[in-house]
PDB file of N, CA and C in Angstrom:
ATOM      1  N   UNK A   1      11.210   4.534  -5.719  1.00  0.00           N
ATOM      2  CA  UNK A   1      11.245   4.717  -7.166  1.00  0.00           C
ATOM      3  C   UNK A   1      10.254   3.815  -7.669  1.00  0.00           C
ATOM      4  N   UNK A   2       9.611   4.261  -8.780  1.00  0.00           N
ATOM      5  CA  UNK A   2       8.497   3.548  -9.365  1.00  0.00           C
ATOM      6  C   UNK A   2       8.520   3.660 -10.963  1.00  0.00           C
ATOM      7  N   UNK A   3       8.294   2.534 -11.657  1.00  0.00           N
ATOM      8  CA  UNK A   3       8.374   2.577 -13.078  1.00  0.00           C
ATOM      9  C   UNK A   3       7.092   2.956 -13.702  1.00  0.00           C
ATOM     10  N   UNK A   4       6.976   3.624 -14.842  1.00  0.00           N
ATOM     11  CA  UNK A   4       5.800   4.106 -15.450  1.00  0.00           C
ATOM     12  C   UNK A   4       5.217   3.237 -16.305  1.00  0.00           C
ATOM     13  N   UNK A   5       5.640   1.977 -16.427  1.00  0.00           N
ATOM     14  CA  UNK A   5       5.206   1.031 -17.435  1.00  0.00           C
ATOM     15  C   UNK A   5       3.562   0.867 -17.365  1.00  0.00           C
ATOM     16  N   UNK A   6       3.005   1.069 -18.410  1.00  0.00           N
ATOM     17  CA  UNK A   6       1.542   0.945 -18.525  1.00  0.00           C
ATOM     18  C   UNK A   6       0.617   1.719 -17.584  1.00  0.00           C
ATOM     19  N   UNK A   7       1.146   2.653 -16.927  1.00  0.00           N
ATOM     20  CA  UNK A   7       0.446   3.373 -15.970  1.00  0.00           C
ATOM     21  C   UNK A   7      -0.762   4.246 -16.604  1.00  0.00           C
ATOM     22  N   UNK A   8      -0.493   4.671 -17.839  1.00  0.00           N
ATOM     23  CA  UNK A   8      -1.605   5.476 -18.472  1.00  0.00           C
ATOM     24  C   UNK A   8      -2.540   4.474 -19.268  1.00  0.00           C
ATOM     25  N   UNK A   9      -2.191   3.326 -19.388  1.00  0.00           N
ATOM     26  CA  UNK A   9      -3.130   2.294 -20.209  1.00  0.00           C
ATOM     27  C   UNK A   9      -3.838   1.429 -19.215  1.00  0.00           C
ATOM     28  N   UNK A  10      -3.543   1.352 -18.030  1.00  0.00           N
ATOM     29  CA  UNK A  10      -4.027   0.414 -17.042  1.00  0.00           C
ATOM     30  C   UNK A  10      -5.000   0.943 -16.074  1.00  0.00           C
ATOM     31  N   UNK A  11      -6.101   0.111 -15.814  1.00  0.00           N
ATOM     32  CA  UNK A  11      -7.150   0.582 -14.881  1.00  0.00           C
ATOM     33  C   UNK A  11      -6.637   0.431 -13.502  1.00  0.00           C
ATOM     34  N   UNK A  12      -6.656   1.389 -12.599  1.00  0.00           N
ATOM     35  CA  UNK A  12      -6.163   1.222 -11.206  1.00  0.00           C
ATOM     36  C   UNK A  12      -7.098   0.459 -10.388  1.00  0.00           C
ATOM     37  N   UNK A  13      -8.286   0.207 -10.809  1.00  0.00           N
ATOM     38  CA  UNK A  13      -9.228  -0.482 -10.129  1.00  0.00           C
ATOM     39  C   UNK A  13      -9.174  -1.992 -10.239  1.00  0.00           C
ATOM     40  N   UNK A  14      -8.961  -2.405 -11.480  1.00  0.00           N
ATOM     41  CA  UNK A  14      -9.073  -3.923 -11.846  1.00  0.00           C
ATOM     42  C   UNK A  14      -7.862  -4.399 -12.478  1.00  0.00           C
ATOM     43  N   UNK A  15      -6.948  -3.529 -13.034  1.00  0.00           N
ATOM     44  CA  UNK A  15      -5.709  -3.841 -13.632  1.00  0.00           C
ATOM     45  C   UNK A  15      -5.751  -4.183 -15.175  1.00  0.00           C
ATOM     46  N   UNK A  16      -6.923  -3.945 -15.803  1.00  0.00           N
ATOM     47  CA  UNK A  16      -7.126  -4.147 -17.155  1.00  0.00           C
ATOM     48  C   UNK A  16      -6.226  -3.208 -17.971  1.00  0.00           C
ATOM     49  N   UNK A  17      -5.672  -3.584 -19.058  1.00  0.00           N
ATOM     50  CA  UNK A  17      -4.711  -2.749 -19.850  1.00  0.00           C
ATOM     51  C   UNK A  17      -5.287  -2.527 -21.169  1.00  0.00           C
ATOM     52  N   UNK A  18      -5.507  -1.251 -21.607  1.00  0.00           N
ATOM     53  CA  UNK A  18      -5.989  -0.846 -22.823  1.00  0.00           C
ATOM     54  C   UNK A  18      -4.758  -0.715 -23.726  1.00  0.00           C
ATOM     55  N   UNK A  19      -4.418  -1.640 -24.639  1.00  0.00           N
ATOM     56  CA  UNK A  19      -3.177  -1.562 -25.368  1.00  0.00           C
ATOM     57  C   UNK A  19      -3.374  -0.646 -26.618  1.00  0.00           C
ATOM     58  N   UNK A  20      -4.512  -0.226 -26.970  1.00  0.00           N
ATOM     59  CA  UNK A  20      -4.914   0.688 -28.117  1.00  0.00           C
ATOM     60  C   UNK A  20      -5.165   1.950 -27.622  1.00  0.00           C
ATOM     61  N   UNK A  21      -4.746   2.416 -26.558  1.00  0.00           N
ATOM     62  CA  UNK A  21      -5.086   3.697 -26.040  1.00  0.00           C
ATOM     63  C   UNK A  21      -4.605   4.824 -26.945  1.00  0.00           C
ATOM     64  N   UNK A  22      -5.441   5.710 -27.486  1.00  0.00           N
ATOM     65  CA  UNK A  22      -4.997   6.843 -28.320  1.00  0.00           C
ATOM     66  C   UNK A  22      -5.775   8.017 -28.008  1.00  0.00           C
ATOM     67  N   UNK A  23      -6.669   8.004 -27.114  1.00  0.00           N
ATOM     68  CA  UNK A  23      -7.541   9.059 -26.771  1.00  0.00           C
ATOM     69  C   UNK A  23      -7.068   9.774 -25.478  1.00  0.00           C
ATOM     70  N   UNK A  24      -7.643  11.005 -25.186  1.00  0.00           N
ATOM     71  CA  UNK A  24      -7.327  11.643 -23.858  1.00  0.00           C
ATOM     72  C   UNK A  24      -8.170  11.197 -22.745  1.00  0.00           C
ATOM     73  N   UNK A  25      -9.028  10.316 -23.045  1.00  0.00           N
ATOM     74  CA  UNK A  25      -9.921   9.746 -21.990  1.00  0.00           C
ATOM     75  C   UNK A  25      -9.659   8.141 -21.807  1.00  0.00           C
ATOM     76  N   UNK A  26      -9.540   7.661 -20.712  1.00  0.00           N
ATOM     77  CA  UNK A  26      -9.342   6.352 -20.403  1.00  0.00           C
ATOM     78  C   UNK A  26     -10.669   5.634 -20.130  1.00  0.00           C
ATOM     79  N   UNK A  27     -11.011   4.624 -20.901  1.00  0.00           N
ATOM     80  CA  UNK A  27     -12.263   3.906 -20.529  1.00  0.00           C
ATOM     81  C   UNK A  27     -12.057   2.436 -20.243  1.00  0.00           C
ATOM     82  N   UNK A  28     -12.209   1.993 -19.072  1.00  0.00           N
ATOM     83  CA  UNK A  28     -12.039   0.571 -18.666  1.00  0.00           C
ATOM     84  C   UNK A  28     -13.401  -0.162 -19.148  1.00  0.00           C
ATOM     85  N   UNK A  29     -13.119  -1.167 -19.922  1.00  0.00           N
ATOM     86  CA  UNK A  29     -14.455  -1.862 -20.408  1.00  0.00           C
ATOM     87  C   UNK A  29     -14.757  -2.859 -19.340  1.00  0.00           C
ATOM     88  N   UNK A  30     -13.886  -3.315 -18.496  1.00  0.00           N
ATOM     89  CA  UNK A  30     -14.030  -4.276 -17.421  1.00  0.00           C
ATOM     90  C   UNK A  30     -14.676  -3.678 -16.352  1.00  0.00           C
ATOM     91  N   UNK A  31     -14.197  -2.540 -15.836  1.00  0.00           N
ATOM     92  CA  UNK A  31     -14.818  -1.873 -14.563  1.00  0.00           C
ATOM     93  C   UNK A  31     -15.669  -0.810 -14.793  1.00  0.00           C
ATOM     94  N   UNK A  32     -15.796  -0.434 -16.121  1.00  0.00           N
ATOM     95  CA  UNK A  32     -16.696   0.587 -16.672  1.00  0.00           C
ATOM     96  C   UNK A  32     -16.412   2.041 -15.899  1.00  0.00           C
ATOM     97  N   UNK A  33     -15.163   2.448 -16.032  1.00  0.00           N
ATOM     98  CA  UNK A  33     -14.832   3.713 -15.484  1.00  0.00           C
ATOM     99  C   UNK A  33     -14.351   4.573 -16.651  1.00  0.00           C
ATOM    100  N   UNK A  34     -14.524   5.829 -16.568  1.00  0.00           N
ATOM    101  CA  UNK A  34     -14.160   6.827 -17.499  1.00  0.00           C
ATOM    102  C   UNK A  34     -13.363   7.922 -16.801  1.00  0.00           C
ATOM    103  N   UNK A  35     -12.139   8.229 -17.275  1.00  0.00           N
ATOM    104  CA  UNK A  35     -11.444   9.328 -16.575  1.00  0.00           C
ATOM    105  C   UNK A  35     -10.350   9.885 -17.645  1.00  0.00           C
ATOM    106  N   UNK A  36      -9.925  11.022 -17.335  1.00  0.00           N
ATOM    107  CA  UNK A  36      -8.828  11.599 -18.069  1.00  0.00           C
ATOM    108  C   UNK A  36      -7.563  10.731 -18.074  1.00  0.00           C
ATOM    109  N   UNK A  37      -6.954  10.549 -19.157  1.00  0.00           N
ATOM    110  CA  UNK A  37      -5.866   9.538 -19.374  1.00  0.00           C
ATOM    111  C   UNK A  37      -4.676  10.010 -18.420  1.00  0.00           C
ATOM    112  N   UNK A  38      -4.359  11.322 -18.376  1.00  0.00           N
ATOM    113  CA  UNK A  38      -3.190  11.732 -17.524  1.00  0.00           C
ATOM    114  C   UNK A  38      -3.467  11.686 -16.039  1.00  0.00           C
ATOM    115  N   UNK A  39      -4.792  11.916 -15.668  1.00  0.00           N
ATOM    116  CA  UNK A  39      -5.196  11.617 -14.250  1.00  0.00           C
ATOM    117  C   UNK A  39      -5.061  10.174 -13.904  1.00  0.00           C
ATOM    118  N   UNK A  40      -5.473   9.274 -14.785  1.00  0.00           N
ATOM    119  CA  UNK A  40      -5.392   7.840 -14.439  1.00  0.00           C
ATOM    120  C   UNK A  40      -3.997   7.446 -14.427  1.00  0.00           C
ATOM    121  N   UNK A  41      -3.006   7.974 -15.350  1.00  0.00           N
ATOM    122  CA  UNK A  41      -1.768   7.526 -15.159  1.00  0.00           C
ATOM    123  C   UNK A  41      -0.990   7.944 -13.855  1.00  0.00           C
ATOM    124  N   UNK A  42      -1.365   9.230 -13.597  1.00  0.00           N
ATOM    125  CA  UNK A  42      -0.817   9.862 -12.275  1.00  0.00           C
ATOM    126  C   UNK A  42      -1.252   9.051 -11.047  1.00  0.00           C
ATOM    127  N   UNK A  43      -2.604   8.677 -11.126  1.00  0.00           N
ATOM    128  CA  UNK A  43      -3.173   7.942 -10.013  1.00  0.00           C
ATOM    129  C   UNK A  43      -2.429   6.583  -9.847  1.00  0.00           C
ATOM    130  N   UNK A  44      -2.302   5.989 -11.053  1.00  0.00           N
ATOM    131  CA  UNK A  44      -1.588   4.615 -11.037  1.00  0.00           C
ATOM    132  C   UNK A  44      -0.194   4.653 -10.601  1.00  0.00           C
ATOM    133  N   UNK A  45       0.578   5.707 -10.867  1.00  0.00           N
ATOM    134  CA  UNK A  45       1.837   5.865 -10.331  1.00  0.00           C
ATOM    135  C   UNK A  45       1.851   6.098  -8.933  1.00  0.00           C
ATOM    136  N   UNK A  46       1.030   6.802  -8.409  1.00  0.00           N
ATOM    137  CA  UNK A  46       0.874   6.951  -6.996  1.00  0.00           C
ATOM    138  C   UNK A  46       0.556   5.564  -6.298  1.00  0.00           C
ATOM    139  N   UNK A  47      -0.414   4.842  -6.856  1.00  0.00           N
ATOM    140  CA  UNK A  47      -0.761   3.501  -6.269  1.00  0.00           C
ATOM    141  C   UNK A  47       0.362   2.594  -6.220  1.00  0.00           C
ATOM    142  N   UNK A  48       1.186   2.601  -7.398  1.00  0.00           N
ATOM    143  CA  UNK A  48       2.337   1.695  -7.600  1.00  0.00           C
ATOM    144  C   UNK A  48       3.398   2.026  -6.563  1.00  0.00           C
ATOM    145  N   UNK A  49       3.622   3.223  -6.310  1.00  0.00           N
ATOM    146  CA  UNK A  49       4.678   3.765  -5.276  1.00  0.00           C
ATOM    147  C   UNK A  49       4.274   3.321  -3.973  1.00  0.00           C
ATOM    148  N   UNK A  50       2.981   3.328  -3.607  1.00  0.00           N
ATOM    149  CA  UNK A  50       2.401   2.950  -2.331  1.00  0.00           C
ATOM    150  C   UNK A  50       2.622   1.458  -2.134  1.00  0.00           C
ATOM    151  N   UNK A  51       2.577   0.621  -3.209  1.00  0.00           N
ATOM    152  CA  UNK A  51       2.763  -0.866  -3.035  1.00  0.00           C
ATOM    153  C   UNK A  51       4.214  -1.244  -2.932  1.00  0.00           C
ATOM    154  N   UNK A  52       5.201  -0.319  -3.288  1.00  0.00           N
ATOM    155  CA  UNK A  52       6.499  -0.774  -3.155  1.00  0.00           C
ATOM    156  C   UNK A  52       7.045  -0.631  -1.796  1.00  0.00           C
ATOM    157  N   UNK A  53       7.457  -1.766  -1.164  1.00  0.00           N
ATOM    158  CA  UNK A  53       7.889  -1.698   0.281  1.00  0.00           C
ATOM    159  C   UNK A  53       9.327  -1.056   0.402  1.00  0.00           C
ATOM    160  N   UNK A  54       9.919  -0.841  -0.708  1.00  0.00           N
ATOM    161  CA  UNK A  54      11.398  -0.287  -0.566  1.00  0.00           C
ATOM    162  C   UNK A  54      11.333   1.215  -1.013  1.00  0.00           C
ATOM    163  N   UNK A  55      10.179   1.737  -1.140  1.00  0.00           N
ATOM    164  CA  UNK A  55      10.129   3.171  -1.681  1.00  0.00           C
ATOM    165  C   UNK A  55      10.719   4.122  -0.524  1.00  0.00           C
ATOM    166  N   UNK A  56      11.125   5.233  -1.212  1.00  0.00           N
ATOM    167  CA  UNK A  56      11.615   6.246  -0.256  1.00  0.00           C
ATOM    168  C   UNK A  56      10.431   7.062   0.420  1.00  0.00           C
ATOM    169  N   UNK A  57      10.638   7.766   1.354  1.00  0.00           N
ATOM    170  CA  UNK A  57       9.508   8.626   1.977  1.00  0.00           C
ATOM    171  C   UNK A  57       9.043   9.712   1.032  1.00  0.00           C
ATOM    172  N   UNK A  58       7.840  10.003   0.991  1.00  0.00           N
ATOM    173  CA  UNK A  58       7.371  11.136   0.024  1.00  0.00           C
ATOM    174  C   UNK A  58       7.668  12.452   0.816  1.00  0.00           C
ATOM    175  N   UNK A  59       7.685  12.486   1.997  1.00  0.00           N
ATOM    176  CA  UNK A  59       7.763  13.738   2.768  1.00  0.00           C
ATOM    177  C   UNK A  59       9.096  13.724   3.688  1.00  0.00           C
ATOM    178  N   UNK A  60       9.820  14.640   3.716  1.00  0.00           N
ATOM    179  CA  UNK A  60      11.002  14.765   4.648  1.00  0.00           C
ATOM    180  C   UNK A  60      10.343  15.269   5.973  1.00  0.00           C
ATOM    181  N   UNK A  61      10.727  14.620   7.088  1.00  0.00           N
ATOM    182  CA  UNK A  61      10.317  15.018   8.417  1.00  0.00           C
ATOM    183  C   UNK A  61      11.385  15.812   9.159  1.00  0.00           C
TER     184      UNK A  61
END
């Protein structure tokens, strides 16, 4: 299980949080990346779930 806190506002590369995000594009001023806000949030949720040592498996074997 993974919380969605700040996943759409946070840069997955450096951790910078854009608290004023109101556009459909996410722009990290620290790491200089530009990407779709929804893609960025989805990517961050995946990264957070991979870092959680107590997560359930993604695939049933």
